[in-house]
Structure formats: C-alpha cells, structure tokens
C-alpha atoms as a PDB file:
ATOM      1  CA  MET A   1      53.784  79.107 122.471  1.00  0.00           C
ATOM      2  CA  PRO A   2      56.856  77.344 120.995  1.00  0.00           C
ATOM      3  CA  ARG A   3      58.447  78.717 117.872  1.00  0.00           C
ATOM      4  CA  PRO A   4      57.213  77.275 114.564  1.00  0.00           C
ATOM      5  CA  PRO A   5      59.457  74.869 112.647  1.00  0.00           C
ATOM      6  CA  LEU A   6      61.581  76.965 110.320  1.00  0.00           C
ATOM      7  CA  ARG A   7      61.427  74.394 107.552  1.00  0.00           C
ATOM      8  CA  GLU A   8      57.632  74.407 107.412  1.00  0.00           C
ATOM      9  CA  VAL A   9      57.396  78.201 107.454  1.00  0.00           C
ATOM     10  CA  ALA A  10      60.081  78.487 104.774  1.00  0.00           C
ATOM     11  CA  HIS A  11      58.243  75.980 102.591  1.00  0.00           C
ATOM     12  CA  ARG A  12      54.926  77.807 102.950  1.00  0.00           C
ATOM     13  CA  ALA A  13      56.487  81.220 102.228  1.00  0.00           C
ATOM     14  CA  GLY A  14      58.800  80.017  99.472  1.00  0.00           C
ATOM     15  CA  VAL A  15      61.910  81.418 101.176  1.00  0.00           C
ATOM     16  CA  SER A  16      65.003  80.058 102.918  1.00  0.00           C
ATOM     17  CA  GLU A  17      65.094  79.033 106.570  1.00  0.00           C
ATOM     18  CA  PRO A  18      67.653  81.772 107.447  1.00  0.00           C
ATOM     19  CA  THR A  19      65.190  84.348 106.049  1.00  0.00           C
ATOM     20  CA  VAL A  20      62.455  83.021 108.339  1.00  0.00           C
ATOM     21  CA  SER A  21      64.875  83.213 111.255  1.00  0.00           C
ATOM     22  CA  ARG A  22      65.663  86.852 110.462  1.00  0.00           C
ATOM     23  CA  VAL A  23      61.969  87.759 110.472  1.00  0.00           C
ATOM     24  CA  LEU A  24      61.357  85.914 113.759  1.00  0.00           C
ATOM     25  CA  ASN A  25      64.301  87.702 115.358  1.00  0.00           C
ATOM     26  CA  GLY A  26      63.279  91.124 114.092  1.00  0.00           C
ATOM     27  CA  ARG A  27      66.393  91.548 111.972  1.00  0.00           C
ATOM     28  CA  VAL A  28      66.705  94.080 109.157  1.00  0.00           C
ATOM     29  CA  GLY A  29      67.841  93.001 105.703  1.00  0.00           C
ATOM     30  CA  VAL A  30      64.656  91.257 104.533  1.00  0.00           C
ATOM     31  CA  ALA A  31      62.756  92.889 101.682  1.00  0.00           C
ATOM     32  CA  ASP A  32      59.242  94.091 102.587  1.00  0.00           C
ATOM     33  CA  GLY A  33      57.585  91.708 100.137  1.00  0.00           C
ATOM     34  CA  THR A  34      59.557  88.730 101.409  1.00  0.00           C
ATOM     35  CA  ARG A  35      58.838  89.629 105.027  1.00  0.00           C
ATOM     36  CA  ALA A  36      55.119  89.851 104.230  1.00  0.00           C
ATOM     37  CA  LYS A  37      55.167  86.304 102.833  1.00  0.00           C
ATOM     38  CA  VAL A  38      56.858  85.003 105.972  1.00  0.00           C
ATOM     39  CA  VAL A  39      54.456  86.851 108.281  1.00  0.00           C
ATOM     40  CA  GLU A  40      51.506  85.436 106.343  1.00  0.00           C
ATOM     41  CA  ALA A  41      52.896  81.896 106.561  1.00  0.00           C
ATOM     42  CA  LEU A  42      53.444  82.333 110.311  1.00  0.00           C
ATOM     43  CA  ALA A  43      49.904  83.630 110.732  1.00  0.00           C
ATOM     44  CA  ASP A  44      48.536  80.573 108.911  1.00  0.00           C
ATOM     45  CA  LEU A  45      50.308  78.458 111.532  1.00  0.00           C
ATOM     46  CA  GLY A  46      48.881  80.486 114.387  1.00  0.00           C
ATOM     47  CA  PHE A  47      51.884  82.692 115.119  1.00  0.00           C
ATOM     48  CA  HIS A  48      51.026  86.377 115.256  1.00  0.00           C
ATOM     49  CA  ASP A  49      53.501  87.996 117.674  1.00  0.00           C
ATOM     50  CA  ILE A  50      56.161  88.931 115.117  1.00  0.00           C
ATOM     51  CA  PRO A  51      58.662  91.660 116.131  1.00  0.00           C
ATOM     52  CA  GLU A  52      59.199  94.690 113.929  1.00  0.00           C
ATOM     53  CA  PRO A  53      62.603  94.831 112.219  1.00  0.00           C
ATOM     54  CA  SER A  54      65.341  96.451 114.310  1.00  0.00           C
ATOM     55  CA  ALA A  55      69.053  96.852 113.751  1.00  0.00           C
ATOM     56  CA  VAL A  56      70.559  94.115 115.918  1.00  0.00           C
ATOM     57  CA  ARG A  57      74.341  93.939 115.573  1.00  0.00           C
ATOM     58  CA  THR A  58      75.928  90.573 114.818  1.00  0.00           C
ATOM     59  CA  GLY A  59      79.549  91.727 114.691  1.00  0.00           C
ATOM     60  CA  VAL A  60      79.947  90.040 111.292  1.00  0.00           C
ATOM     61  CA  VAL A  61      80.440  91.702 107.893  1.00  0.00           C
ATOM     62  CA  GLY A  62      80.717  90.291 104.396  1.00  0.00           C
ATOM     63  CA  LEU A  63      83.596  90.985 102.006  1.00  0.00           C
ATOM     64  CA  ILE A  64      83.165  90.008  98.347  1.00  0.00           C
ATOM     65  CA  THR A  65      86.178  90.087  96.071  1.00  0.00           C
ATOM     66  CA  GLY A  66      87.385  88.756  92.739  1.00  0.00           C
ATOM     67  CA  GLU A  67      89.300  85.573  92.066  1.00  0.00           C
ATOM     68  CA  LEU A  68      92.304  85.159  94.341  1.00  0.00           C
ATOM     69  CA  THR A  69      94.459  83.981  91.440  1.00  0.00           C
ATOM     70  CA  ASN A  70      95.172  87.712  91.138  1.00  0.00           C
ATOM     71  CA  PRO A  71      97.248  88.591  94.231  1.00  0.00           C
ATOM     72  CA  VAL A  72      95.859  92.131  94.417  1.00  0.00           C
ATOM     73  CA  PHE A  73      92.521  90.813  95.676  1.00  0.00           C
ATOM     74  CA  GLY A  74      94.138  88.786  98.440  1.00  0.00           C
ATOM     75  CA  GLU A  75      96.380  91.604  99.577  1.00  0.00           C
ATOM     76  CA  MET A  76      93.617  94.199  99.573  1.00  0.00           C
ATOM     77  CA  SER A  77      91.204  91.817 101.337  1.00  0.00           C
ATOM     78  CA  GLU A  78      93.727  91.049 104.057  1.00  0.00           C
ATOM     79  CA  GLY A  79      94.212  94.745 104.774  1.00  0.00           C
ATOM     80  CA  ILE A  80      90.467  95.369 105.023  1.00  0.00           C
ATOM     81  CA  ILE A  81      89.862  92.291 107.206  1.00  0.00           C
ATOM     82  CA  THR A  82      92.668  93.308 109.586  1.00  0.00           C
ATOM     83  CA  ARG A  83      91.296  96.802 110.030  1.00  0.00           C
ATOM     84  CA  LEU A  84      87.719  95.626 110.482  1.00  0.00           C
ATOM     85  CA  ALA A  85      88.965  93.281 113.203  1.00  0.00           C
ATOM     86  CA  ARG A  86      90.321  96.291 115.085  1.00  0.00           C
ATOM     87  CA  HIS A  87      86.734  97.518 115.206  1.00  0.00           C
ATOM     88  CA  GLY A  88      85.658  94.188 116.677  1.00  0.00           C
ATOM     89  CA  LEU A  89      84.153  92.897 113.443  1.00  0.00           C
ATOM     90  CA  VAL A  90      84.614  89.388 112.027  1.00  0.00           C
ATOM     91  CA  THR A  91      84.692  89.157 108.232  1.00  0.00           C
ATOM     92  CA  ASN A  92      83.135  86.453 106.067  1.00  0.00           C
ATOM     93  CA  LEU A  93      84.980  86.312 102.733  1.00  0.00           C
ATOM     94  CA  GLY A  94      83.223  85.545  99.459  1.00  0.00           C
ATOM     95  CA  VAL A  95      85.278  84.997  96.310  1.00  0.00           C
ATOM     96  CA  ALA A  96      83.164  85.719  93.240  1.00  0.00           C
ATOM     97  CA  THR A  97      84.173  83.551  90.292  1.00  0.00           C
ATOM     98  CA  ARG A  98      83.231  83.583  86.644  1.00  0.00           C
ATOM     99  CA  ASN A  99      81.773  80.072  86.607  1.00  0.00           C
ATOM    100  CA  LEU A 100      80.691  79.289  90.170  1.00  0.00           C
ATOM    101  CA  ILE A 101      79.359  81.789  92.716  1.00  0.00           C
ATOM    102  CA  SER A 102      78.426  85.284  91.597  1.00  0.00           C
ATOM    103  CA  GLU A 103      78.708  88.537  93.512  1.00  0.00           C
ATOM    104  CA  GLU A 104      74.917  88.829  93.550  1.00  0.00           C
ATOM    105  CA  ARG A 105      74.519  85.380  95.099  1.00  0.00           C
ATOM    106  CA  TYR A 106      77.053  86.197  97.808  1.00  0.00           C
ATOM    107  CA  ILE A 107      75.199  89.424  98.575  1.00  0.00           C
ATOM    108  CA  ASP A 108      71.926  87.520  98.939  1.00  0.00           C
ATOM    109  CA  GLU A 109      73.532  84.850 101.134  1.00  0.00           C
ATOM    110  CA  PHE A 110      75.312  87.320 103.399  1.00  0.00           C
ATOM    111  CA  VAL A 111      72.207  89.464 103.817  1.00  0.00           C
ATOM    112  CA  THR A 112      70.077  86.414 104.585  1.00  0.00           C
ATOM    113  CA  ARG A 113      72.562  85.288 107.224  1.00  0.00           C
ATOM    114  CA  GLY A 114      72.480  88.666 108.887  1.00  0.00           C
ATOM    115  CA  VAL A 115      75.764  90.487 108.313  1.00  0.00           C
ATOM    116  CA  ASP A 116      76.022  94.042 109.647  1.00  0.00           C
ATOM    117  CA  GLY A 117      77.436  95.382 106.394  1.00  0.00           C
ATOM    118  CA  LEU A 118      79.203  94.563 103.138  1.00  0.00           C
ATOM    119  CA  VAL A 119      82.321  95.508 101.153  1.00  0.00           C
ATOM    120  CA  MET A 120      82.518  94.781  97.407  1.00  0.00           C
ATOM    121  CA  ILE A 121      85.911  94.948  95.679  1.00  0.00           C
ATOM    122  CA  ALA A 122      85.878  95.423  91.886  1.00  0.00           C
ATOM    123  CA  GLY A 123      82.436  93.883  91.538  1.00  0.00           C
ATOM    124  CA  ALA A 124      79.730  94.704  89.011  1.00  0.00           C
ATOM    125  CA  HIS A 125      80.341  98.388  89.720  1.00  0.00           C
ATOM    126  CA  ALA A 126      83.762  98.012  88.059  1.00  0.00           C
ATOM    127  CA  ARG A 127      82.118  97.456  84.674  1.00  0.00           C
ATOM    128  CA  THR A 128      81.280 100.262  82.279  1.00  0.00           C
ATOM    129  CA  ASP A 129      77.834  98.703  81.792  1.00  0.00           C
ATOM    130  CA  ALA A 130      77.244  98.232  85.523  1.00  0.00           C
ATOM    131  CA  ASP A 131      73.718  97.324  86.584  1.00  0.00           C
ATOM    132  CA  ALA A 132      73.147  99.058  89.907  1.00  0.00           C
ATOM    133  CA  ALA A 133      69.963  97.114  90.700  1.00  0.00           C
ATOM    134  CA  MET A 134      71.443  94.711  93.244  1.00  0.00           C
ATOM    135  CA  TYR A 135      73.193  97.582  95.036  1.00  0.00           C
ATOM    136  CA  ALA A 136      70.018  99.676  94.949  1.00  0.00           C
ATOM    137  CA  ARG A 137      68.193  96.834  96.723  1.00  0.00           C
ATOM    138  CA  LEU A 138      70.752  97.025  99.534  1.00  0.00           C
ATOM    139  CA  VAL A 139      70.056 100.749  99.880  1.00  0.00           C
ATOM    140  CA  GLU A 140      66.330 100.025 100.015  1.00  0.00           C
ATOM    141  CA  ARG A 141      66.921  97.466 102.778  1.00  0.00           C
ATOM    142  CA  ASP A 142      69.096  99.968 104.659  1.00  0.00           C
ATOM    143  CA  ILE A 143      72.098  97.618 104.633  1.00  0.00           C
ATOM    144  CA  PRO A 144      75.460  99.450 104.910  1.00  0.00           C
ATOM    145  CA  PHE A 145      78.042  98.754 102.206  1.00  0.00           C
ATOM    146  CA  VAL A 146      81.172 100.170 100.588  1.00  0.00           C
ATOM    147  CA  LEU A 147      82.160  99.839  96.912  1.00  0.00           C
ATOM    148  CA  VAL A 148      85.896  99.541  96.162  1.00  0.00           C
ATOM    149  CA  ASN A 149      87.792 100.079  92.892  1.00  0.00           C
ATOM    150  CA  GLY A 150      84.967 100.705  90.486  1.00  0.00           C
ATOM    151  CA  ARG A 151      82.879 103.715  89.577  1.00  0.00           C
ATOM    152  CA  GLU A 152      80.076 105.766  91.039  1.00  0.00           C
ATOM    153  CA  ILE A 153      76.700 104.304  90.054  1.00  0.00           C
ATOM    154  CA  GLY A 154      74.306 106.977  91.251  1.00  0.00           C
ATOM    155  CA  LEU A 155      73.797 105.756  94.824  1.00  0.00           C
ATOM    156  CA  GLU A 156      74.636 107.652  98.008  1.00  0.00           C
ATOM    157  CA  VAL A 157      77.155 105.160  99.383  1.00  0.00           C
ATOM    158  CA  PRO A 158      80.928 105.267 100.020  1.00  0.00           C
ATOM    159  CA  TYR A 159      83.122 104.697  96.942  1.00  0.00           C
ATOM    160  CA  VAL A 160      86.832 104.034  97.505  1.00  0.00           C
ATOM    161  CA  TRP A 161      89.181 103.638  94.560  1.00  0.00           C
ATOM    162  CA  CYS A 162      92.727 104.131  93.323  1.00  0.00           C
ATOM    163  CA  ASP A 163      93.271 106.422  90.342  1.00  0.00           C
ATOM    164  CA  GLU A 164      94.308 104.219  87.393  1.00  0.00           C
ATOM    165  CA  SER A 165      94.530 107.240  85.102  1.00  0.00           C
ATOM    166  CA  LEU A 166      97.069 108.933  87.358  1.00  0.00           C
ATOM    167  CA  GLY A 167      98.988 105.663  87.656  1.00  0.00           C
ATOM    168  CA  ALA A 168      99.212 105.339  83.874  1.00  0.00           C
ATOM    169  CA  GLN A 169     100.384 108.934  83.572  1.00  0.00           C
ATOM    170  CA  ARG A 170     103.136 108.363  86.118  1.00  0.00           C
ATOM    171  CA  ALA A 171     104.192 105.184  84.316  1.00  0.00           C
ATOM    172  CA  VAL A 172     104.460 107.043  80.985  1.00  0.00           C
ATOM    173  CA  GLN A 173     106.350 109.921  82.570  1.00  0.00           C
ATOM    174  CA  HIS A 174     108.794 107.448  84.093  1.00  0.00           C
ATOM    175  CA  LEU A 175     109.462 105.791  80.733  1.00  0.00           C
ATOM    176  CA  LEU A 176     109.817 109.143  78.994  1.00  0.00           C
ATOM    177  CA  SER A 177     112.351 110.218  81.601  1.00  0.00           C
ATOM    178  CA  LEU A 178     114.402 107.125  80.720  1.00  0.00           C
ATOM    179  CA  GLY A 179     114.485 108.143  77.057  1.00  0.00           C
ATOM    180  CA  HIS A 180     111.842 105.747  75.714  1.00  0.00           C
ATOM    181  CA  ARG A 181     110.016 107.019  72.652  1.00  0.00           C
ATOM    182  CA  ARG A 182     108.235 103.848  71.524  1.00  0.00           C
ATOM    183  CA  ILE A 183     105.791 103.325  74.385  1.00  0.00           C
ATOM    184  CA  GLY A 184     102.829 100.954  74.419  1.00  0.00           C
ATOM    185  CA  ALA A 185     100.386  99.487  76.934  1.00  0.00           C
ATOM    186  CA  VAL A 186      98.794  96.123  77.654  1.00  0.00           C
ATOM    187  CA  LEU A 187      95.513  96.962  79.343  1.00  0.00           C
ATOM    188  CA  GLY A 188      92.504  94.931  80.433  1.00  0.00           C
ATOM    189  CA  GLN A 189      89.230  94.319  78.663  1.00  0.00           C
ATOM    190  CA  ARG A 190      87.517  97.557  77.724  1.00  0.00           C
ATOM    191  CA  LEU A 191      84.268  96.720  79.476  1.00  0.00           C
ATOM    192  CA  TYR A 192      85.979  97.633  82.765  1.00  0.00           C
ATOM    193  CA  VAL A 193      86.148 101.200  84.001  1.00  0.00           C
ATOM    194  CA  GLY A 194      89.749 100.683  85.171  1.00  0.00           C
ATOM    195  CA  THR A 195      90.782  99.983  81.582  1.00  0.00           C
ATOM    196  CA  VAL A 196      89.070 103.162  80.383  1.00  0.00           C
ATOM    197  CA  ARG A 197      90.929 105.159  83.028  1.00  0.00           C
ATOM    198  CA  HIS A 198      94.268 103.505  82.250  1.00  0.00           C
ATOM    199  CA  ASP A 199      93.785 104.185  78.545  1.00  0.00           C
ATOM    200  CA  ALA A 200      92.936 107.844  79.178  1.00  0.00           C
ATOM    201  CA  GLY A 201      95.999 108.245  81.397  1.00  0.00           C
ATOM    202  CA  VAL A 202      98.363 106.755  78.820  1.00  0.00           C
ATOM    203  CA  ARG A 203      97.025 108.960  76.042  1.00  0.00           C
ATOM    204  CA  ALA A 204      97.062 112.114  78.174  1.00  0.00           C
ATOM    205  CA  ALA A 205     100.676 111.608  79.279  1.00  0.00           C
ATOM    206  CA  ILE A 206     102.020 110.737  75.836  1.00  0.00           C
ATOM    207  CA  GLU A 207     100.263 113.546  73.978  1.00  0.00           C
ATOM    208  CA  GLY A 208     102.771 116.114  72.798  1.00  0.00           C
ATOM    209  CA  HIS A 209     105.799 113.938  73.600  1.00  0.00           C
ATOM    210  CA  VAL A 210     105.826 111.000  71.203  1.00  0.00           C
ATOM    211  CA  GLU A 211     103.581 109.505  68.547  1.00  0.00           C
ATOM    212  CA  LEU A 212     101.048 106.963  69.759  1.00  0.00           C
ATOM    213  CA  HIS A 213      99.169 104.604  67.441  1.00  0.00           C
ATOM    214  CA  ASP A 214      95.944 102.863  68.405  1.00  0.00           C
ATOM    215  CA  THR A 215      97.734  99.552  67.903  1.00  0.00           C
ATOM    216  CA  ASP A 216     100.188 100.561  70.639  1.00  0.00           C
ATOM    217  CA  ILE A 217      97.437 100.014  73.235  1.00  0.00           C
ATOM    218  CA  VAL A 218      96.398  96.372  73.417  1.00  0.00           C
ATOM    219  CA  SER A 219      93.395  94.953  75.263  1.00  0.00           C
ATOM    220  CA  ALA A 220      93.838  91.570  76.973  1.00  0.00           C
ATOM    221  CA  PRO A 221      92.576  89.570  79.979  1.00  0.00           C
ATOM    222  CA  PHE A 222      93.961  90.650  83.387  1.00  0.00           C
ATOM    223  CA  THR A 223      96.194  87.564  83.570  1.00  0.00           C
ATOM    224  CA  TYR A 224      99.780  86.421  83.040  1.00  0.00           C
ATOM    225  CA  GLU A 225      98.667  84.932  79.710  1.00  0.00           C
ATOM    226  CA  GLY A 226      96.982  88.209  78.773  1.00  0.00           C
ATOM    227  CA  GLY A 227     100.191  90.124  79.423  1.00  0.00           C
ATOM    228  CA  LEU A 228     102.187  87.571  77.435  1.00  0.00           C
ATOM    229  CA  ALA A 229      99.926  87.774  74.378  1.00  0.00           C
ATOM    230  CA  GLY A 230      99.576  91.548  74.506  1.00  0.00           C
ATOM    231  CA  ALA A 231     103.303  92.173  74.886  1.00  0.00           C
ATOM    232  CA  ARG A 232     104.063  89.912  71.937  1.00  0.00           C
ATOM    233  CA  GLN A 233     102.030  92.245  69.733  1.00  0.00           C
ATOM    234  CA  LEU A 234     103.780  95.339  71.053  1.00  0.00           C
ATOM    235  CA  LEU A 235     107.274  93.879  70.796  1.00  0.00           C
ATOM    236  CA  ALA A 236     106.595  92.934  67.172  1.00  0.00           C
ATOM    237  CA  ARG A 237     105.952  96.642  66.566  1.00  0.00           C
ATOM    238  CA  GLY A 238     109.297  97.654  68.092  1.00  0.00           C
ATOM    239  CA  ILE A 239     107.929  99.014  71.386  1.00  0.00           C
ATOM    240  CA  THR A 240     110.655  99.490  74.017  1.00  0.00           C
ATOM    241  CA  GLY A 241     108.562 100.626  76.988  1.00  0.00           C
ATOM    242  CA  ILE A 242     105.479  98.648  78.051  1.00  0.00           C
ATOM    243  CA  ILE A 243     102.882  99.683  80.641  1.00  0.00           C
ATOM    244  CA  CYS A 244     100.688  96.900  82.049  1.00  0.00           C
ATOM    245  CA  ALA A 245      97.330  97.015  83.831  1.00  0.00           C
ATOM    246  CA  ASN A 246      98.557  94.824  86.707  1.00  0.00           C
ATOM    247  CA  ASP A 247     101.635  93.028  87.971  1.00  0.00           C
ATOM    248  CA  LEU A 248     100.560  89.611  86.652  1.00  0.00           C
ATOM    249  CA  MET A 249     100.345  91.030  83.148  1.00  0.00           C
ATOM    250  CA  ALA A 250     103.747  92.636  83.608  1.00  0.00           C
ATOM    251  CA  LEU A 251     105.245  89.220  84.392  1.00  0.00           C
ATOM    252  CA  GLY A 252     103.689  87.920  81.192  1.00  0.00           C
ATOM    253  CA  ALA A 253     105.280  90.833  79.331  1.00  0.00           C
ATOM    254  CA  VAL A 254     108.702  89.927  80.780  1.00  0.00           C
ATOM    255  CA  ALA A 255     108.225  86.375  79.502  1.00  0.00           C
ATOM    256  CA  ALA A 256     107.267  87.681  76.049  1.00  0.00           C
ATOM    257  CA  ALA A 257     110.462  89.745  75.903  1.00  0.00           C
ATOM    258  CA  ARG A 258     112.593  86.741  76.860  1.00  0.00           C
ATOM    259  CA  GLN A 259     110.931  84.618  74.190  1.00  0.00           C
ATOM    260  CA  ARG A 260     112.325  87.123  71.697  1.00  0.00           C
ATOM    261  CA  THR A 261     115.723  86.948  73.448  1.00  0.00           C
ATOM    262  CA  LEU A 262     115.301  90.529  74.615  1.00  0.00           C
ATOM    263  CA  SER A 263     116.684  91.675  77.944  1.00  0.00           C
ATOM    264  CA  VAL A 264     114.558  93.405  80.587  1.00  0.00           C
ATOM    265  CA  PRO A 265     115.431  96.239  81.104  1.00  0.00           C
ATOM    266  CA  ASP A 266     118.359  96.546  78.663  1.00  0.00           C
ATOM    267  CA  ASP A 267     116.170  96.116  75.580  1.00  0.00           C
ATOM    268  CA  VAL A 268     112.665  96.557  76.971  1.00  0.00           C
ATOM    269  CA  SER A 269     111.366  98.344  80.070  1.00  0.00           C
ATOM    270  CA  ILE A 270     108.179  97.058  81.710  1.00  0.00           C
ATOM    271  CA  VAL A 271     105.945  98.737  84.305  1.00  0.00           C
ATOM    272  CA  GLY A 272     103.260  96.927  86.314  1.00  0.00           C
ATOM    273  CA  TYR A 273     100.353  98.173  88.395  1.00  0.00           C
ATOM    274  CA  ASP A 274      99.036  97.295  91.888  1.00  0.00           C
ATOM    275  CA  GLY A 275     102.381  96.917  93.687  1.00  0.00           C
ATOM    276  CA  THR A 276     101.520  93.589  95.287  1.00  0.00           C
ATOM    277  CA  ASP A 277     104.182  92.110  97.556  1.00  0.00           C
ATOM    278  CA  PHE A 278     105.352  89.532  95.023  1.00  0.00           C
ATOM    279  CA  SER A 279     106.319  92.269  92.546  1.00  0.00           C
ATOM    280  CA  ALA A 280     109.464  92.928  94.599  1.00  0.00           C
ATOM    281  CA  THR A 281     110.576  89.281  94.387  1.00  0.00           C
ATOM    282  CA  THR A 282     110.340  88.615  90.647  1.00  0.00           C
ATOM    283  CA  ASP A 283     113.258  88.422  88.214  1.00  0.00           C
ATOM    284  CA  PRO A 284     113.716  91.234  87.520  1.00  0.00           C
ATOM    285  CA  ALA A 285     111.918  92.992  90.360  1.00  0.00           C
ATOM    286  CA  LEU A 286     109.031  94.942  88.852  1.00  0.00           C
ATOM    287  CA  THR A 287     108.768  98.679  88.584  1.00  0.00           C
ATOM    288  CA  THR A 288     105.129  99.218  89.446  1.00  0.00           C
ATOM    289  CA  LEU A 289     102.459 101.642  90.628  1.00  0.00           C
ATOM    290  CA  ARG A 290     101.494 100.585  94.133  1.00  0.00           C
ATOM    291  CA  GLN A 291      97.974 101.019  95.401  1.00  0.00           C
ATOM    292  CA  PRO A 292      98.111 102.279  99.016  1.00  0.00           C
ATOM    293  CA  PHE A 293      96.455  99.163 100.455  1.00  0.00           C
ATOM    294  CA  ASP A 294      96.960 100.181 104.092  1.00  0.00           C
ATOM    295  CA  ASP A 295      95.419 103.635 103.729  1.00  0.00           C
ATOM    296  CA  MET A 296      92.606 102.332 101.543  1.00  0.00           C
ATOM    297  CA  GLY A 297      91.842  99.505 103.977  1.00  0.00           C
ATOM    298  CA  GLU A 298      91.690 101.912 106.889  1.00  0.00           C
ATOM    299  CA  LEU A 299      89.268 104.247 105.122  1.00  0.00           C
ATOM    300  CA  ILE A 300      87.110 101.348 103.903  1.00  0.00           C
ATOM    301  CA  ALA A 301      86.840  99.974 107.455  1.00  0.00           C
ATOM    302  CA  ASP A 302      86.092 103.408 108.919  1.00  0.00           C
ATOM    303  CA  ALA A 303      83.460 104.073 106.254  1.00  0.00           C
ATOM    304  CA  LEU A 304      81.697 100.766 106.809  1.00  0.00           C
ATOM    305  CA  VAL A 305      81.734 101.064 110.593  1.00  0.00           C
ATOM    306  CA  SER A 306      80.370 104.602 110.408  1.00  0.00           C
ATOM    307  CA  GLU A 307      77.557 103.385 108.155  1.00  0.00           C
ATOM    308  CA  ILE A 308      76.772 100.533 110.538  1.00  0.00           C
ATOM    309  CA  ASP A 309      76.798 102.842 113.580  1.00  0.00           C
ATOM    310  CA  ARG A 310      74.885 105.569 111.721  1.00  0.00           C
ATOM    311  CA  SER A 311      77.500 108.042 112.914  1.00  0.00           C
ATOM    312  CA  ARG A 312      79.653 110.047 110.510  1.00  0.00           C
ATOM    313  CA  ARG A 313      78.562 109.467 106.934  1.00  0.00           C
ATOM    314  CA  PHE A 314      81.205 108.701 104.284  1.00  0.00           C
ATOM    315  CA  ARG A 315      78.749 108.949 101.415  1.00  0.00           C
ATOM    316  CA  ASP A 316      81.187 110.275  98.851  1.00  0.00           C
ATOM    317  CA  SER A 317      83.947 109.164  96.466  1.00  0.00           C
ATOM    318  CA  TYR A 318      87.435 108.761  97.977  1.00  0.00           C
ATOM    319  CA  VAL A 319      90.243 108.611  95.437  1.00  0.00           C
ATOM    320  CA  PHE A 320      93.767 107.454  96.272  1.00  0.00           C
ATOM    321  CA  ALA A 321      96.934 108.085  94.281  1.00  0.00           C
ATOM    322  CA  PRO A 322      99.167 105.134  93.344  1.00  0.00           C
ATOM    323  CA  GLU A 323     102.868 105.435  94.167  1.00  0.00           C
ATOM    324  CA  LEU A 324     105.566 104.792  91.559  1.00  0.00           C
ATOM    325  CA  ILE A 325     107.981 102.135  92.857  1.00  0.00           C
ATOM    326  CA  VAL A 326     111.075 102.019  90.630  1.00  0.00           C
ATOM    327  CA  ARG A 327     112.842  98.663  90.464  1.00  0.00           C
ATOM    328  CA  ALA A 328     114.911  96.626  88.028  1.00  0.00           C
ATOM    329  CA  SER A 329     112.373  96.085  85.217  1.00  0.00           C
ATOM    330  CA  THR A 330     112.882  99.600  83.841  1.00  0.00           C
ATOM    331  CA  GLY A 331     116.048 101.224  82.569  1.00  0.00           C
ATOM    332  CA  ALA A 332     117.404 103.746  80.097  1.00  0.00           C
ATOM    333  CA  ALA A 333     116.398 103.309  76.475  1.00  0.00           C
ATOM    334  CA  LYS A 334     119.078 102.248  74.043  1.00  0.00           C
ATOM    335  CA  VAL A 335     120.462 105.043  71.904  1.00  0.00           C
ATOM    336  CA  ASP A 336     120.041 104.268  68.202  1.00  0.00           C
END
C-alpha cells in the first residue's frame, strides 16, 4: 500500500508534515500525545502498519545560540561545530533573537526535523528565573542535549560553563596589583545568572582591600552601548579601574573614557571578559578574561556524542576557569 499524503495526515492530526514523517519512519523525538494523534489520523486513512519509535541516527545536530552581534557566540559556536564535525556530525545553527525566532521555536523545529541532539548556549537556562519546562520535555522525549554557560536547572543533563565569579575575582586582583583603589564594574542585567556570579566575584575580591559602594557596580545591557553608558556613571564617580561583563562592553568603556579626554590606561584601566579574538586587535588591546573556547568545545562535543551513543554519561556540571590575558588597556594607577 502506498504511503499516505503527508499533507492530508498532518491536516487531520493538526501537526506539521515533518512530524508525520518522523512517525512514519519510526523516529524518536515526537511526544506520545502527538504521536497518538498522527497514528489515529493514519488509521482513519487505512494505514495501520506504523513502526515503533527507534533511535535512527541522522548525523545532524542542532546548535542554538544568542545573537551573533556579540562575537563570543560566534567564536564559541565555531569551536563546537568544528569538534562535532570531527565526530562526523553536521551542525544546523539557530540564532535566537529577541524579536524574531525564539530558542523554544528552534528546539521544536530541530526536534521535528530529526536532529540527533542539541546544544544550547546561554539560552533560557542562563536566566535567574529560568523555566525548565522546554528542557524537561526534551528529557521526556529522550533527546540528548547539552546546556552551555547558564545554571543547573534540576535536570540530569550535561552543564558546561565558565566561572564568571572567578573571572571577576582575577580581574579585581589584577587591578589591585596595579595600585587601583577606586574599582567599579559594568555588569549585565541582573536577571542573568552570569551577572549574579560576576557581581559576587567582584564583591568577594574587593572585600578587605578597598571600599566598594553599591553605585560602583552598574547594570547595563551586554552591548557596546551598555558599556558606554555604564562607564560614564563610574567615571563620574572617579573610578580608575573598570571591570566589564564582556569585551564589547569594555570597548564601550574605552569610548566613555575618551569622551572625558581620559587616557586608557594612563588615567583609567579597563578589563573585559570572554577573550574573543577581536579583543587583541582593538586600540588599546584589551586586557580580558578569556574563556577556554577550545577546551569547552571539545568537552561539549564529547558530552553530546556520548549522550547520543548512550555510552559514557556526562550528566554533571563542568566548570572551566577563565584565563587572565594582560594587554594594553590596563596599567599602573596614578599616584595622587
């Protein structure tokens, strides 16, 4: 008997055509309730020989990341894609944006199209108010995935992240070693777990060394403009050492200093975070805390492949330490 027309089955079941195809091919990744609707629609059309779901490899995985206007997402994605390719896997990239396609929609699309597994970089799990429901559904469907640069959300899956708190501590220690005693920070919005960790690291490192006021830690968007606006506030308070939540914000802080005719680093020292490639080419080259993209990418790929193969399980939290890269944007504090 010939296969039924996908469009008609999809219409009857109220699902997409790719979902019907997955059921007909016995693929995993379709929720039980959805599969039941498709099977019922097929039965109404006289098709009863429907295979049970089985894990058929496609050799394709999905990678969902944040907006590529921030270079850290592009650099981290490239490292993961390269290492997955060494395992024979092709990666479909989804860029979640604030106004267009959401992480949840990408997850649904990738699962419907039959990827073997998923990687999510700084997705909903990076928020302090993270809703784990969409990730829990993946666990229920037995779809392998890895969460990167966020927080643990109560699911037994691999978590891979770089320690923002340790990075902030190393940034403060560096500025203290240069003689800075008026230190402030331009961090991201406080609904993100990375901001909470950065804030904790700054406060822990400064405690007992110099006085820190709440106004010396500014919250701003993770953008060049956010760094510019935040640094303006700190410079108006006489801060001479500024720690930023990423390299883009650090560039904004450099611009803010120059608007006040201050020299970087003679008058103001600025430290970034992420250590993306462009940070070495700016004027001045940025002192920054570099995330170990190569090592993280290798572990992420190994974790996902092991989940797909059902071999070694990486169901734990893997924390990497950022490396302080000292360049021209930091220097000795002026002696009053």
